[in-house]
Amino acid sequence: MIKITTDPSKIDVAFVHHYLSEISYWAKGIPLSLVEKSIQNSMCFSVLKNEKQIGFARVVTDYATFAYLADVFVDENFRGHGYSKELMAFIMSHPDLQGLRRWMLMTKDAHGLYEQFNFSKLKKPENAMEIRLENPYM
C-alpha cells in the first residue's frame, strides 16, 4: 500500500536529488540548489511506502491553462507494482489541475505509461520550439 501526497513536508529532498542527479537520464549532475528551487516552484507529488519516499513527480503550472509534467520516477526497487500508474492517476485527477488547455512532458522511454493518460505525440510538432542547453550541469 502506498500513499501519494502533495504535502511539501513529506518530500525527502536528498532522495529526490540523489535520483535526479545520479540515476535519471534527464537531470544527471543537477546541483542540489536547483532541485530545491524546482521543488519550491512546482506542485510536487511524493509517493510514500511506510512513510518512506519511493517516488516523485512535479508539475509546473499556472493552474488555469497549462501544465508541464516533470521529474516523474519510482525508485527501481519498487517498480513493477503499478505505482507509477497510481501516481499518474493521482496527478491527472488532482482538483487543482482540471480543465487545463494543454499538458506537456518530455520522455525518452515511458511513452506507454503516459499514453494511458491521454498523452500523445505532438499533433503539430512544427509549431513547437525550444531552447535546449546540452549538458547544463557540467
Foldseek 3Di string as FASTA:
>chain_A
DKDKDQPPVLDPLVVLCCCQCPPDPPRHQPDSVVSVVVSVQWRKMFIGDVSHTFWIKTWHDPLAAEIEIDSGDGHPVPPPPCVSLVVVVCVVPPPSNPPHNDYHYDDDPPPVSVVVVVDDPDPCVVPDDDDDDPPPND
